[in-house]
């Protein structure tokens, strides 16, 4: 039985109530993704798997963001002006969105697998999202374009960047805890391997 499955009386083993319907639905999606993609075989996962709610929910969130970004890349490539005080303006932004797509996908995948590479992917993606927000606002032509860029920055890019930076910090802390457990395990195995003289 998974730690997140209720007992026969409907209570969860860790005593935690799963909350409102949105929370339960998110947990079900995370459970389905967990069943589809195995946890990374990193040595750290052998002693401690990071099942923090935010880490579990990050995978579906970032995969969904990557899926939404795919049509946006096509729209940006087709609708942005070809020239705006610089050549290849359309290609530059569509290309940046491709790089952002790769970052979101890597962050979602490493979070899904609880990989030790999550801090790297999350840090890079957070930096990309922050830069995207910055340049979207500053390169907007004005009027409605600026309002749209500010709204996108405040409602999507910067909150996702904050989640990325939290993931990077949390995963690093978690990795250090895993190292302590692995070191203890190795010491114990060495102690058990030494024959006792009688």
Protein backbone atom coordinates (compact mmCIF):
# COMPACT_ATOMS: atom_id res chain seq x y z
CA UNK A 1 0.00 0.00 0.00
CA UNK A 2 1.31 3.46 -0.95
CA UNK A 3 1.73 6.04 1.80
CA UNK A 4 -0.85 8.14 -0.02
CA UNK A 5 -3.62 5.49 -0.15
CA UNK A 6 -6.31 5.59 2.55
CA UNK A 7 -6.87 2.71 4.94
CA UNK A 8 -10.17 0.82 4.99
CA UNK A 9 -11.62 3.49 7.31
CA UNK A 10 -10.78 6.25 4.80
CA UNK A 11 -7.95 7.70 6.90
CA UNK A 12 -4.44 8.15 5.54
CA UNK A 13 -1.57 6.23 7.20
CA UNK A 14 0.42 9.37 8.00
CA UNK A 15 -2.64 10.95 9.61
CA UNK A 16 -2.79 13.64 6.95
CA UNK A 17 -6.12 14.58 5.45
CA UNK A 18 -5.84 14.90 1.69
CA UNK A 19 -7.95 18.07 1.67
CA UNK A 20 -10.38 19.41 -0.91
CA UNK A 21 -11.23 17.86 -4.27
CA UNK A 22 -8.52 19.75 -6.17
CA UNK A 23 -5.87 18.38 -3.82
CA UNK A 24 -7.23 14.83 -4.13
CA UNK A 25 -7.37 15.15 -7.94
CA UNK A 26 -3.79 16.41 -8.03
CA UNK A 27 -2.70 13.53 -5.80
CA UNK A 28 -4.43 11.04 -8.13
CA UNK A 29 -2.64 12.53 -11.15
CA UNK A 30 0.69 12.42 -9.31
CA UNK A 31 0.02 8.78 -8.32
CA UNK A 32 -0.76 7.86 -11.95
CA UNK A 33 2.44 9.53 -13.15
CA UNK A 34 4.39 7.74 -10.40
CA UNK A 35 3.00 4.43 -11.67
CA UNK A 36 3.98 5.27 -15.28
CA UNK A 37 7.50 6.62 -14.65
CA UNK A 38 9.79 4.79 -12.22
CA UNK A 39 11.70 6.72 -9.58
CA UNK A 40 15.32 7.36 -10.58
CA UNK A 41 17.76 4.61 -9.65
CA UNK A 42 20.08 7.12 -7.95
CA UNK A 43 21.76 5.70 -4.86
CA UNK A 44 20.05 8.37 -2.78
CA UNK A 45 16.60 7.08 -3.69
CA UNK A 46 17.54 3.71 -2.20
CA UNK A 47 17.62 5.25 1.27
CA UNK A 48 15.14 8.10 0.94
CA UNK A 49 12.65 9.02 -1.80
CA UNK A 50 11.51 12.62 -1.87
CA UNK A 51 7.71 12.44 -1.72
CA UNK A 52 7.21 16.07 -0.72
CA UNK A 53 3.84 17.24 -2.08
CA UNK A 54 5.28 20.17 -4.01
CA UNK A 55 7.88 17.94 -5.65
CA UNK A 56 5.17 15.42 -6.61
CA UNK A 57 2.87 18.14 -7.97
CA UNK A 58 5.69 19.82 -9.90
CA UNK A 59 5.90 16.97 -12.40
CA UNK A 60 2.33 17.30 -13.74
CA UNK A 61 2.52 21.10 -13.54
CA UNK A 62 5.71 21.39 -15.57
CA UNK A 63 4.68 18.72 -18.06
CA UNK A 64 1.42 20.65 -18.59
CA UNK A 65 3.36 23.91 -19.02
CA UNK A 66 5.60 22.23 -21.60
CA UNK A 67 2.53 20.97 -23.50
CA UNK A 68 0.96 24.46 -23.48
CA UNK A 69 4.26 25.99 -24.62
CA UNK A 70 4.38 23.86 -27.79
CA UNK A 71 1.52 25.65 -29.62
CA UNK A 72 2.72 28.98 -28.19
CA UNK A 73 6.07 28.49 -29.94
CA UNK A 74 4.28 28.00 -33.25
CA UNK A 75 2.04 31.04 -32.63
CA UNK A 76 5.03 33.21 -31.66
CA UNK A 77 7.00 32.11 -34.71
CA UNK A 78 4.08 32.97 -37.02
CA UNK A 79 2.75 36.17 -35.43
CA UNK A 80 5.72 38.10 -34.02
CA UNK A 81 7.09 40.78 -36.31
CA UNK A 82 10.09 39.65 -38.28
CA UNK A 83 11.90 42.86 -37.44
CA UNK A 84 11.79 45.05 -34.33
CA UNK A 85 14.99 47.06 -34.16
CA UNK A 86 16.81 43.79 -34.66
CA UNK A 87 16.90 41.08 -37.27
CA UNK A 88 15.31 37.68 -36.68
CA UNK A 89 13.23 38.94 -33.76
CA UNK A 90 10.63 36.24 -34.38
CA UNK A 91 13.22 33.46 -34.53
CA UNK A 92 14.96 34.74 -31.39
CA UNK A 93 11.79 34.57 -29.26
CA UNK A 94 10.55 31.28 -30.73
CA UNK A 95 14.03 29.80 -30.16
CA UNK A 96 14.05 31.04 -26.58
CA UNK A 97 10.69 29.38 -26.02
CA UNK A 98 12.14 26.11 -27.37
CA UNK A 99 14.94 26.35 -24.79
CA UNK A 100 12.32 27.10 -22.11
CA UNK A 101 10.33 24.06 -23.28
CA UNK A 102 13.42 21.89 -22.80
CA UNK A 103 13.93 23.35 -19.30
CA UNK A 104 10.31 22.78 -18.25
CA UNK A 105 10.38 19.23 -19.60
CA UNK A 106 13.67 18.40 -17.84
CA UNK A 107 12.44 19.90 -14.57
CA UNK A 108 9.16 17.99 -14.75
CA UNK A 109 10.91 14.73 -15.66
CA UNK A 110 13.60 14.99 -12.96
CA UNK A 111 10.93 15.92 -10.37
CA UNK A 112 8.83 12.95 -11.47
CA UNK A 113 11.80 10.60 -11.05
CA UNK A 114 13.00 12.33 -7.83
CA UNK A 115 16.39 12.54 -9.54
CA UNK A 116 19.46 14.10 -7.96
CA UNK A 117 19.67 16.23 -11.12
CA UNK A 118 16.52 18.15 -10.15
CA UNK A 119 18.44 21.08 -8.57
CA UNK A 120 20.32 21.64 -11.85
CA UNK A 121 17.22 21.48 -14.05
CA UNK A 122 15.11 23.60 -11.68
CA UNK A 123 17.80 26.29 -11.28
CA UNK A 124 18.29 26.60 -15.03
CA UNK A 125 14.55 26.71 -15.71
CA UNK A 126 13.99 29.29 -12.96
CA UNK A 127 16.66 31.51 -14.51
CA UNK A 128 15.11 31.10 -17.97
CA UNK A 129 11.63 32.00 -16.66
CA UNK A 130 12.96 35.07 -14.83
CA UNK A 131 14.80 36.27 -17.94
CA UNK A 132 11.70 35.58 -20.04
CA UNK A 133 9.57 37.76 -17.74
CA UNK A 134 12.18 40.53 -17.74
CA UNK A 135 12.62 40.71 -21.50
CA UNK A 136 8.91 40.25 -22.26
CA UNK A 137 8.10 43.36 -20.23
CA UNK A 138 11.04 45.46 -21.44
CA UNK A 139 10.72 44.62 -25.14
CA UNK A 140 6.94 45.08 -25.33
CA UNK A 141 5.94 47.76 -27.84
CA UNK A 142 3.71 49.56 -25.31
CA UNK A 143 0.03 49.88 -24.51
CA UNK A 144 -1.84 46.58 -24.35
CA UNK A 145 1.41 44.68 -25.08
CA UNK A 146 3.00 45.89 -21.83
CA UNK A 147 -0.13 45.04 -19.81
CA UNK A 148 -0.18 41.55 -21.32
CA UNK A 149 3.54 41.04 -20.63
CA UNK A 150 3.22 42.22 -17.02
CA UNK A 151 0.20 39.95 -16.47
CA UNK A 152 2.07 36.94 -17.92
CA UNK A 153 5.08 37.73 -15.75
CA UNK A 154 3.10 38.10 -12.51
CA UNK A 155 0.65 35.25 -13.09
CA UNK A 156 2.79 32.62 -14.80
CA UNK A 157 6.52 33.16 -15.35
CA UNK A 158 7.60 34.55 -11.97
CA UNK A 159 5.49 32.15 -9.85
CA UNK A 160 6.86 29.21 -11.88
CA UNK A 161 10.39 30.62 -11.44
CA UNK A 162 9.81 30.82 -7.66
CA UNK A 163 8.69 27.17 -7.64
CA UNK A 164 11.83 26.25 -9.61
CA UNK A 165 14.14 28.04 -7.17
CA UNK A 166 12.36 26.41 -4.21
CA UNK A 167 12.72 23.00 -5.87
CA UNK A 168 16.44 23.58 -6.42
CA UNK A 169 16.95 24.61 -2.78
CA UNK A 170 14.75 21.85 -1.34
CA UNK A 171 16.31 19.15 -3.52
CA UNK A 172 19.81 20.21 -2.50
CA UNK A 173 18.85 20.03 1.18
CA UNK A 174 17.28 16.64 0.55
CA UNK A 175 20.42 15.42 -1.26
CA UNK A 176 22.54 16.36 1.76
CA UNK A 177 20.19 14.38 4.03
CA UNK A 178 20.50 11.41 1.67
CA UNK A 179 24.30 11.61 1.84
CA UNK A 180 24.15 11.36 5.63
CA UNK A 181 21.91 8.28 5.39
CA UNK A 182 24.10 6.67 2.72
CA UNK A 183 27.23 7.27 4.80
CA UNK A 184 25.57 5.64 7.83
CA UNK A 185 24.48 2.71 5.71
CA UNK A 186 27.98 2.18 4.33
CA UNK A 187 29.49 2.30 7.81
CA UNK A 188 26.94 -0.24 9.03
CA UNK A 189 27.63 -2.54 6.06
CA UNK A 190 31.38 -2.33 6.67
CA UNK A 191 30.88 -3.10 10.37
CA UNK A 192 28.72 -6.12 9.51
CA UNK A 193 31.29 -7.34 6.96
CA UNK A 194 34.10 -7.45 9.51
CA UNK A 195 34.20 -10.96 11.06
CA UNK A 196 33.91 -11.04 14.84
CA UNK A 197 36.77 -12.93 16.50
CA UNK A 198 35.87 -15.26 19.36
